[in-house]
PDB file of N, CA and C in Angstrom:
ATOM      1  N   MET A   1      76.551  54.854  83.764  1.00  0.00           N
ATOM      2  CA  MET A   1      76.202  56.142  83.073  1.00  0.00           C
ATOM      3  C   MET A   1      77.531  56.656  82.917  1.00  0.00           C
ATOM      4  N   LYS A   2      77.744  57.134  82.410  1.00  0.00           N
ATOM      5  CA  LYS A   2      79.090  58.031  81.859  1.00  0.00           C
ATOM      6  C   LYS A   2      79.485  59.357  82.741  1.00  0.00           C
ATOM      7  N   VAL A   3      78.517  59.935  83.055  1.00  0.00           N
ATOM      8  CA  VAL A   3      78.324  61.080  83.440  1.00  0.00           C
ATOM      9  C   VAL A   3      78.751  61.558  84.819  1.00  0.00           C
ATOM     10  N   THR A   4      79.538  62.520  85.013  1.00  0.00           N
ATOM     11  CA  THR A   4      80.162  62.530  86.017  1.00  0.00           C
ATOM     12  C   THR A   4      79.339  64.489  86.687  1.00  0.00           C
ATOM     13  N   LYS A   5      78.935  64.513  87.837  1.00  0.00           N
ATOM     14  CA  LYS A   5      78.149  65.824  87.785  1.00  0.00           C
ATOM     15  C   LYS A   5      79.543  67.030  87.723  1.00  0.00           C
ATOM     16  N   GLU A   6      80.586  66.237  88.490  1.00  0.00           N
ATOM     17  CA  GLU A   6      81.790  67.543  88.530  1.00  0.00           C
ATOM     18  C   GLU A   6      82.008  68.537  86.909  1.00  0.00           C
ATOM     19  N   LYS A   7      82.248  67.159  85.935  1.00  0.00           N
ATOM     20  CA  LYS A   7      82.657  67.336  84.710  1.00  0.00           C
ATOM     21  C   LYS A   7      81.389  68.351  83.961  1.00  0.00           C
ATOM     22  N   ALA A   8      80.368  68.146  84.017  1.00  0.00           N
ATOM     23  CA  ALA A   8      79.007  68.714  83.693  1.00  0.00           C
ATOM     24  C   ALA A   8      78.929  70.179  84.127  1.00  0.00           C
ATOM     25  N   LEU A   9      79.098  70.340  85.543  1.00  0.00           N
ATOM     26  CA  LEU A   9      79.081  71.450  86.345  1.00  0.00           C
ATOM     27  C   LEU A   9      80.295  72.717  85.584  1.00  0.00           C
ATOM     28  N   ARG A  10      81.544  72.128  85.550  1.00  0.00           N
ATOM     29  CA  ARG A  10      82.700  72.623  85.101  1.00  0.00           C
ATOM     30  C   ARG A  10      82.427  73.029  83.576  1.00  0.00           C
ATOM     31  N   SER A  11      81.657  72.078  82.759  1.00  0.00           N
ATOM     32  CA  SER A  11      81.255  72.615  81.459  1.00  0.00           C
ATOM     33  C   SER A  11      80.523  73.597  81.051  1.00  0.00           C
ATOM     34  N   LEU A  12      78.831  73.584  82.052  1.00  0.00           N
ATOM     35  CA  LEU A  12      77.904  74.459  81.837  1.00  0.00           C
ATOM     36  C   LEU A  12      78.345  75.534  82.639  1.00  0.00           C
ATOM     37  N   GLY A  13      79.209  75.705  83.645  1.00  0.00           N
ATOM     38  CA  GLY A  13      79.471  76.954  84.636  1.00  0.00           C
ATOM     39  C   GLY A  13      78.337  77.238  85.068  1.00  0.00           C
ATOM     40  N   ILE A  14      77.321  76.260  85.931  1.00  0.00           N
ATOM     41  CA  ILE A  14      76.625  76.298  86.979  1.00  0.00           C
ATOM     42  C   ILE A  14      76.320  76.060  88.041  1.00  0.00           C
ATOM     43  N   THR A  15      75.619  76.092  89.177  1.00  0.00           N
ATOM     44  CA  THR A  15      75.743  75.651  90.601  1.00  0.00           C
ATOM     45  C   THR A  15      75.561  74.453  90.464  1.00  0.00           C
ATOM     46  N   GLU A  16      75.690  73.386  91.348  1.00  0.00           N
ATOM     47  CA  GLU A  16      75.459  72.465  91.672  1.00  0.00           C
ATOM     48  C   GLU A  16      73.439  71.841  91.919  1.00  0.00           C
ATOM     49  N   GLN A  17      73.340  73.075  92.586  1.00  0.00           N
ATOM     50  CA  GLN A  17      72.103  73.006  92.815  1.00  0.00           C
ATOM     51  C   GLN A  17      71.045  73.193  91.680  1.00  0.00           C
ATOM     52  N   MET A  18      71.267  74.121  91.182  1.00  0.00           N
ATOM     53  CA  MET A  18      70.972  74.608  89.388  1.00  0.00           C
ATOM     54  C   MET A  18      70.748  73.234  88.486  1.00  0.00           C
ATOM     55  N   TYR A  19      72.050  72.882  88.474  1.00  0.00           N
ATOM     56  CA  TYR A  19      72.240  71.482  87.714  1.00  0.00           C
ATOM     57  C   TYR A  19      71.428  70.312  88.228  1.00  0.00           C
ATOM     58  N   ASN A  20      71.088  70.062  89.777  1.00  0.00           N
ATOM     59  CA  ASN A  20      70.037  69.368  90.168  1.00  0.00           C
ATOM     60  C   ASN A  20      68.642  69.280  89.794  1.00  0.00           C
ATOM     61  N   GLU A  21      68.049  70.640  90.003  1.00  0.00           N
ATOM     62  CA  GLU A  21      67.219  71.196  89.618  1.00  0.00           C
ATOM     63  C   GLU A  21      66.965  70.949  88.215  1.00  0.00           C
ATOM     64  N   LEU A  22      67.564  71.422  87.111  1.00  0.00           N
ATOM     65  CA  LEU A  22      67.442  70.903  85.741  1.00  0.00           C
ATOM     66  C   LEU A  22      67.617  69.653  85.424  1.00  0.00           C
ATOM     67  N   ILE A  23      67.603  68.593  86.125  1.00  0.00           N
ATOM     68  CA  ILE A  23      67.614  67.406  86.041  1.00  0.00           C
ATOM     69  C   ILE A  23      66.783  66.802  86.441  1.00  0.00           C
ATOM     70  N   ASP A  24      66.222  67.473  87.797  1.00  0.00           N
ATOM     71  CA  ASP A  24      64.631  66.834  87.999  1.00  0.00           C
ATOM     72  C   ASP A  24      63.555  67.082  86.925  1.00  0.00           C
ATOM     73  N   ASP A  25      64.251  68.525  86.464  1.00  0.00           N
ATOM     74  CA  ASP A  25      63.032  68.905  85.433  1.00  0.00           C
ATOM     75  C   ASP A  25      63.136  67.760  84.217  1.00  0.00           C
ATOM     76  N   PHE A  26      64.167  67.326  83.977  1.00  0.00           N
ATOM     77  CA  PHE A  26      64.402  66.677  82.591  1.00  0.00           C
ATOM     78  C   PHE A  26      63.627  65.276  82.922  1.00  0.00           C
ATOM     79  N   ILE A  27      64.143  64.753  84.219  1.00  0.00           N
ATOM     80  CA  ILE A  27      63.476  63.340  84.705  1.00  0.00           C
ATOM     81  C   ILE A  27      61.997  63.353  84.336  1.00  0.00           C
ATOM     82  N   GLY A  28      61.175  64.539  84.412  1.00  0.00           N
ATOM     83  CA  GLY A  28      59.878  64.817  84.672  1.00  0.00           C
ATOM     84  C   GLY A  28      59.529  64.582  82.817  1.00  0.00           C
ATOM     85  N   GLN A  29      60.297  65.289  82.622  1.00  0.00           N
ATOM     86  CA  GLN A  29      59.920  65.380  80.878  1.00  0.00           C
ATOM     87  C   GLN A  29      60.131  64.024  80.252  1.00  0.00           C
ATOM     88  N   PHE A  30      61.011  63.555  80.821  1.00  0.00           N
ATOM     89  CA  PHE A  30      61.391  62.196  79.995  1.00  0.00           C
ATOM     90  C   PHE A  30      60.362  61.235  80.663  1.00  0.00           C
ATOM     91  N   VAL A  31      59.870  60.886  81.609  1.00  0.00           N
ATOM     92  CA  VAL A  31      58.824  60.426  81.778  1.00  0.00           C
ATOM     93  C   VAL A  31      57.436  60.647  80.941  1.00  0.00           C
ATOM     94  N   LEU A  32      57.140  61.579  80.555  1.00  0.00           N
ATOM     95  CA  LEU A  32      56.139  62.226  79.302  1.00  0.00           C
ATOM     96  C   LEU A  32      57.076  61.530  78.095  1.00  0.00           C
ATOM     97  N   ASP A  33      57.950  61.842  77.763  1.00  0.00           N
ATOM     98  CA  ASP A  33      58.502  61.479  76.380  1.00  0.00           C
ATOM     99  C   ASP A  33      58.516  60.102  76.346  1.00  0.00           C
ATOM    100  N   LEU A  34      58.830  59.504  77.143  1.00  0.00           N
ATOM    101  CA  LEU A  34      58.772  57.765  77.262  1.00  0.00           C
ATOM    102  C   LEU A  34      57.526  57.374  76.962  1.00  0.00           C
ATOM    103  N   ASN A  35      56.692  57.940  77.456  1.00  0.00           N
ATOM    104  CA  ASN A  35      55.346  57.570  77.336  1.00  0.00           C
ATOM    105  C   ASN A  35      54.589  58.224  76.146  1.00  0.00           C
ATOM    106  N   ASP A  36      54.965  59.240  75.209  1.00  0.00           N
ATOM    107  CA  ASP A  36      54.959  59.866  73.861  1.00  0.00           C
ATOM    108  C   ASP A  36      55.287  58.644  72.887  1.00  0.00           C
ATOM    109  N   LEU A  37      56.697  58.403  73.195  1.00  0.00           N
ATOM    110  CA  LEU A  37      56.894  57.485  72.522  1.00  0.00           C
ATOM    111  C   LEU A  37      56.525  56.153  72.130  1.00  0.00           C
ATOM    112  N   ASP A  38      55.791  55.448  73.185  1.00  0.00           N
ATOM    113  CA  ASP A  38      54.799  54.176  73.262  1.00  0.00           C
ATOM    114  C   ASP A  38      53.755  54.569  72.489  1.00  0.00           C
ATOM    115  N   VAL A  39      53.365  55.211  72.663  1.00  0.00           N
ATOM    116  CA  VAL A  39      52.258  55.802  71.760  1.00  0.00           C
ATOM    117  C   VAL A  39      52.532  55.957  70.564  1.00  0.00           C
ATOM    118  N   ALA A  40      53.299  57.028  70.035  1.00  0.00           N
ATOM    119  CA  ALA A  40      54.009  57.053  68.370  1.00  0.00           C
ATOM    120  C   ALA A  40      54.167  55.395  67.871  1.00  0.00           C
ATOM    121  N   ILE A  41      54.976  54.562  68.929  1.00  0.00           N
ATOM    122  CA  ILE A  41      55.166  53.583  68.185  1.00  0.00           C
ATOM    123  C   ILE A  41      53.352  52.710  67.646  1.00  0.00           C
ATOM    124  N   GLU A  42      52.963  52.684  68.768  1.00  0.00           N
ATOM    125  CA  GLU A  42      51.618  51.750  68.225  1.00  0.00           C
ATOM    126  C   GLU A  42      50.875  52.542  67.153  1.00  0.00           C
ATOM    127  N   LYS A  43      51.153  54.034  67.030  1.00  0.00           N
ATOM    128  CA  LYS A  43      50.266  54.530  65.927  1.00  0.00           C
ATOM    129  C   LYS A  43      50.894  54.638  64.900  1.00  0.00           C
ATOM    130  N   GLU A  44      52.649  54.117  64.779  1.00  0.00           N
ATOM    131  CA  GLU A  44      53.638  54.144  63.472  1.00  0.00           C
ATOM    132  C   GLU A  44      53.283  55.378  63.446  1.00  0.00           C
ATOM    133  N   ASP A  45      54.019  56.653  64.122  1.00  0.00           N
ATOM    134  CA  ASP A  45      53.443  57.771  64.314  1.00  0.00           C
ATOM    135  C   ASP A  45      55.014  58.241  63.704  1.00  0.00           C
ATOM    136  N   PHE A  46      55.777  57.969  62.776  1.00  0.00           N
ATOM    137  CA  PHE A  46      57.377  57.717  62.538  1.00  0.00           C
ATOM    138  C   PHE A  46      57.769  59.506  63.291  1.00  0.00           C
ATOM    139  N   GLU A  47      57.139  60.299  62.189  1.00  0.00           N
ATOM    140  CA  GLU A  47      57.402  61.841  62.368  1.00  0.00           C
ATOM    141  C   GLU A  47      57.144  62.190  63.857  1.00  0.00           C
ATOM    142  N   HIS A  48      56.411  62.016  64.903  1.00  0.00           N
ATOM    143  CA  HIS A  48      56.745  62.008  65.740  1.00  0.00           C
ATOM    144  C   HIS A  48      57.568  61.565  67.108  1.00  0.00           C
ATOM    145  N   ILE A  49      57.942  60.303  66.393  1.00  0.00           N
ATOM    146  CA  ILE A  49      58.845  59.512  67.033  1.00  0.00           C
ATOM    147  C   ILE A  49      60.277  60.312  66.880  1.00  0.00           C
ATOM    148  N   ARG A  50      60.430  60.860  65.849  1.00  0.00           N
ATOM    149  CA  ARG A  50      61.721  61.699  65.239  1.00  0.00           C
ATOM    150  C   ARG A  50      61.439  62.648  66.168  1.00  0.00           C
ATOM    151  N   GLN A  51      60.404  63.778  66.064  1.00  0.00           N
ATOM    152  CA  GLN A  51      60.892  64.629  66.991  1.00  0.00           C
ATOM    153  C   GLN A  51      60.901  64.691  68.549  1.00  0.00           C
ATOM    154  N   ILE A  52      60.338  63.604  68.887  1.00  0.00           N
ATOM    155  CA  ILE A  52      60.669  63.507  70.248  1.00  0.00           C
ATOM    156  C   ILE A  52      62.115  62.871  70.909  1.00  0.00           C
ATOM    157  N   GLY A  53      62.683  62.097  69.804  1.00  0.00           N
ATOM    158  CA  GLY A  53      63.909  61.784  69.701  1.00  0.00           C
ATOM    159  C   GLY A  53      64.999  63.046  69.653  1.00  0.00           C
ATOM    160  N   HIS A  54      64.504  63.946  68.630  1.00  0.00           N
ATOM    161  CA  HIS A  54      65.256  65.333  68.625  1.00  0.00           C
ATOM    162  C   HIS A  54      65.215  66.163  69.909  1.00  0.00           C
ATOM    163  N   SER A  55      63.829  65.745  70.166  1.00  0.00           N
ATOM    164  CA  SER A  55      63.618  66.802  71.777  1.00  0.00           C
ATOM    165  C   SER A  55      64.457  66.504  73.059  1.00  0.00           C
ATOM    166  N   ILE A  56      64.650  65.040  73.281  1.00  0.00           N
ATOM    167  CA  ILE A  56      65.522  64.124  74.249  1.00  0.00           C
ATOM    168  C   ILE A  56      66.667  64.629  73.893  1.00  0.00           C
ATOM    169  N   LYS A  57      67.039  64.065  72.321  1.00  0.00           N
ATOM    170  CA  LYS A  57      68.786  64.402  71.958  1.00  0.00           C
ATOM    171  C   LYS A  57      69.452  65.963  72.684  1.00  0.00           C
ATOM    172  N   GLY A  58      68.031  67.008  72.361  1.00  0.00           N
ATOM    173  CA  GLY A  58      68.776  68.184  72.906  1.00  0.00           C
ATOM    174  C   GLY A  58      68.968  68.714  74.641  1.00  0.00           C
ATOM    175  N   SER A  59      68.336  67.896  75.077  1.00  0.00           N
ATOM    176  CA  SER A  59      67.703  68.312  76.269  1.00  0.00           C
ATOM    177  C   SER A  59      69.018  67.562  77.044  1.00  0.00           C
ATOM    178  N   ALA A  60      69.154  66.177  76.451  1.00  0.00           N
ATOM    179  CA  ALA A  60      69.764  65.218  77.094  1.00  0.00           C
ATOM    180  C   ALA A  60      71.476  66.024  77.173  1.00  0.00           C
ATOM    181  N   GLY A  61      72.009  66.484  75.666  1.00  0.00           N
ATOM    182  CA  GLY A  61      73.048  67.395  75.197  1.00  0.00           C
ATOM    183  C   GLY A  61      73.337  68.158  75.915  1.00  0.00           C
ATOM    184  N   ASN A  62      72.326  69.321  76.625  1.00  0.00           N
ATOM    185  CA  ASN A  62      72.681  70.170  77.367  1.00  0.00           C
ATOM    186  C   ASN A  62      72.888  70.115  78.383  1.00  0.00           C
ATOM    187  N   LEU A  63      72.380  68.516  79.036  1.00  0.00           N
ATOM    188  CA  LEU A  63      73.065  68.785  80.443  1.00  0.00           C
ATOM    189  C   LEU A  63      74.293  67.721  80.795  1.00  0.00           C
ATOM    190  N   ARG A  64      74.679  67.534  78.940  1.00  0.00           N
ATOM    191  CA  ARG A  64      75.868  66.583  78.964  1.00  0.00           C
ATOM    192  C   ARG A  64      75.363  65.090  79.638  1.00  0.00           C
ATOM    193  N   LEU A  65      74.642  64.807  79.031  1.00  0.00           N
ATOM    194  CA  LEU A  65      74.329  63.174  79.928  1.00  0.00           C
ATOM    195  C   LEU A  65      74.603  62.293  77.917  1.00  0.00           C
ATOM    196  N   GLU A  66      75.411  62.106  77.960  1.00  0.00           N
ATOM    197  CA  GLU A  66      76.045  61.626  76.720  1.00  0.00           C
ATOM    198  C   GLU A  66      75.377  60.756  75.899  1.00  0.00           C
ATOM    199  N   GLU A  67      74.843  59.690  76.347  1.00  0.00           N
ATOM    200  CA  GLU A  67      74.356  57.978  76.440  1.00  0.00           C
ATOM    201  C   GLU A  67      73.529  58.219  75.772  1.00  0.00           C
ATOM    202  N   ILE A  68      72.380  58.990  76.633  1.00  0.00           N
ATOM    203  CA  ILE A  68      70.912  59.138  76.343  1.00  0.00           C
ATOM    204  C   ILE A  68      70.899  60.258  75.415  1.00  0.00           C
ATOM    205  N   ALA A  69      71.780  61.160  75.310  1.00  0.00           N
ATOM    206  CA  ALA A  69      71.844  61.787  73.746  1.00  0.00           C
ATOM    207  C   ALA A  69      72.048  61.258  72.513  1.00  0.00           C
ATOM    208  N   LYS A  70      72.701  60.389  72.249  1.00  0.00           N
ATOM    209  CA  LYS A  70      73.294  59.527  71.395  1.00  0.00           C
ATOM    210  C   LYS A  70      71.898  58.281  71.341  1.00  0.00           C
ATOM    211  N   ALA A  71      71.624  57.716  72.754  1.00  0.00           N
ATOM    212  CA  ALA A  71      70.779  56.954  72.018  1.00  0.00           C
ATOM    213  C   ALA A  71      69.345  58.035  71.468  1.00  0.00           C
ATOM    214  N   ALA A  72      68.978  58.872  71.863  1.00  0.00           N
ATOM    215  CA  ALA A  72      68.193  59.847  71.261  1.00  0.00           C
ATOM    216  C   ALA A  72      68.435  59.943  69.700  1.00  0.00           C
ATOM    217  N   LYS A  73      69.489  60.526  69.637  1.00  0.00           N
ATOM    218  CA  LYS A  73      69.971  60.857  68.179  1.00  0.00           C
ATOM    219  C   LYS A  73      69.797  59.240  67.366  1.00  0.00           C
ATOM    220  N   GLU A  74      69.690  58.127  67.675  1.00  0.00           N
ATOM    221  CA  GLU A  74      69.627  57.324  66.655  1.00  0.00           C
ATOM    222  C   GLU A  74      68.021  57.021  66.535  1.00  0.00           C
ATOM    223  N   ILE A  75      67.222  57.248  67.710  1.00  0.00           N
ATOM    224  CA  ILE A  75      66.083  57.406  67.670  1.00  0.00           C
ATOM    225  C   ILE A  75      65.201  58.266  66.318  1.00  0.00           C
ATOM    226  N   GLU A  76      65.843  59.675  66.664  1.00  0.00           N
ATOM    227  CA  GLU A  76      65.673  60.604  65.851  1.00  0.00           C
ATOM    228  C   GLU A  76      65.748  60.273  64.344  1.00  0.00           C
ATOM    229  N   CYS A  77      67.488  59.298  64.184  1.00  0.00           N
ATOM    230  CA  CYS A  77      67.438  59.197  62.781  1.00  0.00           C
ATOM    231  C   CYS A  77      67.378  57.875  62.205  1.00  0.00           C
ATOM    232  N   SER A  78      66.409  57.238  62.744  1.00  0.00           N
ATOM    233  CA  SER A  78      66.070  55.805  62.414  1.00  0.00           C
ATOM    234  C   SER A  78      65.039  55.605  61.732  1.00  0.00           C
ATOM    235  N   GLU A  79      64.395  56.720  60.800  1.00  0.00           N
ATOM    236  CA  GLU A  79      63.639  56.683  59.555  1.00  0.00           C
ATOM    237  C   GLU A  79      62.489  55.899  60.239  1.00  0.00           C
ATOM    238  N   LYS A  80      62.127  55.045  59.496  1.00  0.00           N
ATOM    239  CA  LYS A  80      60.878  54.058  59.901  1.00  0.00           C
ATOM    240  C   LYS A  80      61.391  53.014  60.066  1.00  0.00           C
ATOM    241  N   ASN A  81      62.184  52.421  60.575  1.00  0.00           N
ATOM    242  CA  ASN A  81      62.858  51.098  61.550  1.00  0.00           C
ATOM    243  C   ASN A  81      62.262  51.037  62.642  1.00  0.00           C
ATOM    244  N   GLU A  82      60.799  50.282  63.139  1.00  0.00           N
ATOM    245  CA  GLU A  82      60.197  50.110  64.363  1.00  0.00           C
ATOM    246  C   GLU A  82      61.376  49.535  64.924  1.00  0.00           C
ATOM    247  N   VAL A  83      61.973  48.147  64.588  1.00  0.00           N
ATOM    248  CA  VAL A  83      62.809  47.365  65.713  1.00  0.00           C
ATOM    249  C   VAL A  83      63.984  48.530  65.956  1.00  0.00           C
ATOM    250  N   LEU A  84      64.768  49.043  65.396  1.00  0.00           N
ATOM    251  CA  LEU A  84      65.697  49.803  65.940  1.00  0.00           C
ATOM    252  C   LEU A  84      65.141  51.044  67.141  1.00  0.00           C
ATOM    253  N   ILE A  85      63.969  51.206  66.849  1.00  0.00           N
ATOM    254  CA  ILE A  85      63.292  52.439  67.650  1.00  0.00           C
ATOM    255  C   ILE A  85      63.083  51.668  68.871  1.00  0.00           C
ATOM    256  N   LYS A  86      62.549  50.641  68.708  1.00  0.00           N
ATOM    257  CA  LYS A  86      62.090  49.563  70.178  1.00  0.00           C
ATOM    258  C   LYS A  86      63.266  49.560  70.716  1.00  0.00           C
ATOM    259  N   GLU A  87      64.463  48.998  69.988  1.00  0.00           N
ATOM    260  CA  GLU A  87      65.733  48.807  70.533  1.00  0.00           C
ATOM    261  C   GLU A  87      66.558  49.827  71.420  1.00  0.00           C
ATOM    262  N   LYS A  88      66.029  50.959  70.775  1.00  0.00           N
ATOM    263  CA  LYS A  88      66.909  52.345  71.356  1.00  0.00           C
ATOM    264  C   LYS A  88      65.707  52.664  72.491  1.00  0.00           C
ATOM    265  N   ILE A  89      64.774  52.548  72.789  1.00  0.00           N
ATOM    266  CA  ILE A  89      63.862  52.800  73.636  1.00  0.00           C
ATOM    267  C   ILE A  89      64.729  52.126  74.836  1.00  0.00           C
ATOM    268  N   ILE A  90      64.778  50.844  74.404  1.00  0.00           N
ATOM    269  CA  ILE A  90      64.709  50.087  75.642  1.00  0.00           C
ATOM    270  C   ILE A  90      66.500  50.634  76.477  1.00  0.00           C
ATOM    271  N   VAL A  91      67.595  51.091  75.634  1.00  0.00           N
ATOM    272  CA  VAL A  91      68.358  51.544  75.556  1.00  0.00           C
ATOM    273  C   VAL A  91      68.469  52.695  76.638  1.00  0.00           C
ATOM    274  N   LEU A  92      67.245  53.828  76.253  1.00  0.00           N
ATOM    275  CA  LEU A  92      66.903  55.225  76.549  1.00  0.00           C
ATOM    276  C   LEU A  92      66.609  54.578  78.241  1.00  0.00           C
ATOM    277  N   LYS A  93      65.707  53.480  78.607  1.00  0.00           N
ATOM    278  CA  LYS A  93      64.738  53.602  79.659  1.00  0.00           C
ATOM    279  C   LYS A  93      66.006  52.843  80.506  1.00  0.00           C
ATOM    280  N   LYS A  94      67.030  52.085  80.120  1.00  0.00           N
ATOM    281  CA  LYS A  94      68.175  51.782  81.179  1.00  0.00           C
ATOM    282  C   LYS A  94      68.376  52.814  81.874  1.00  0.00           C
ATOM    283  N   TYR A  95      69.365  53.807  80.819  1.00  0.00           N
ATOM    284  CA  TYR A  95      70.172  54.918  80.983  1.00  0.00           C
ATOM    285  C   TYR A  95      69.163  55.889  81.511  1.00  0.00           C
ATOM    286  N   PHE A  96      67.860  55.990  81.618  1.00  0.00           N
ATOM    287  CA  PHE A  96      66.934  57.162  82.550  1.00  0.00           C
ATOM    288  C   PHE A  96      67.257  56.307  83.911  1.00  0.00           C
ATOM    289  N   GLU A  97      67.139  54.655  84.267  1.00  0.00           N
ATOM    290  CA  GLU A  97      66.912  54.235  85.764  1.00  0.00           C
ATOM    291  C   GLU A  97      68.719  54.598  85.896  1.00  0.00           C
ATOM    292  N   GLU A  98      69.158  55.064  85.594  1.00  0.00           N
ATOM    293  CA  GLU A  98      70.518  54.786  86.234  1.00  0.00           C
ATOM    294  C   GLU A  98      70.808  56.210  86.665  1.00  0.00           C
ATOM    295  N   LEU A  99      70.153  56.910  85.478  1.00  0.00           N
ATOM    296  CA  LEU A  99      70.209  58.752  85.336  1.00  0.00           C
ATOM    297  C   LEU A  99      69.210  58.825  87.289  1.00  0.00           C
ATOM    298  N   LYS A 100      68.338  58.378  86.953  1.00  0.00           N
ATOM    299  CA  LYS A 100      67.507  58.793  88.180  1.00  0.00           C
ATOM    300  C   LYS A 100      68.058  57.770  89.614  1.00  0.00           C
ATOM    301  N   GLU A 101      68.513  57.052  89.928  1.00  0.00           N
ATOM    302  CA  GLU A 101      69.644  56.235  90.777  1.00  0.00           C
ATOM    303  C   GLU A 101      70.768  57.236  90.725  1.00  0.00           C
ATOM    304  N   LEU A 102      71.202  57.916  90.128  1.00  0.00           N
ATOM    305  CA  LEU A 102      72.797  58.745  90.222  1.00  0.00           C
ATOM    306  C   LEU A 102      72.006  60.199  90.874  1.00  0.00           C
ATOM    307  N   PHE A 103      71.296  60.556  90.399  1.00  0.00           N
ATOM    308  CA  PHE A 103      70.777  61.733  91.083  1.00  0.00           C
ATOM    309  C   PHE A 103      69.137  61.442  92.189  1.00  0.00           C
ATOM    310  N   LYS A 104      69.113  60.188  92.796  1.00  0.00           N
ATOM    311  CA  LYS A 104      67.896  60.584  93.542  1.00  0.00           C
ATOM    312  C   LYS A 104      68.097  61.302  94.430  1.00  0.00           C
ATOM    313  N   LYS A 105      67.282  61.755  95.102  1.00  0.00           N
ATOM    314  CA  LYS A 105      67.046  62.816  96.133  1.00  0.00           C
ATOM    315  C   LYS A 105      67.470  62.131  97.639  1.00  0.00           C
ATOM    316  N   GLU A 106      68.518  62.832  98.766  1.00  0.00           N
ATOM    317  CA  GLU A 106      68.488  61.799  99.673  1.00  0.00           C
ATOM    318  C   GLU A 106      67.732  62.191 101.045  1.00  0.00           C
TER     319      GLU A 106
END
């Protein structure tokens, strides 16, 4: 993942501690969002899928997590293409694992 904490901190103008807290909150919500996406796909609830993608996109963008924001935008704009949605969820999960590794508590 191409996120650099230093670049994000400069861009956002916040402390490292605050950024880490925001990342922790994002990770917690992201787990819930991924579960919601799985349920929405099972139900073929494409409007809810779009809403979840939009929410993830906004949160990730605010934290300068560009790859996650891009994949979430593709989910948001995927219409009813279940194959594309599932592919992008795999991408989201990959980036999520990288994010957790990057920001894991020591």
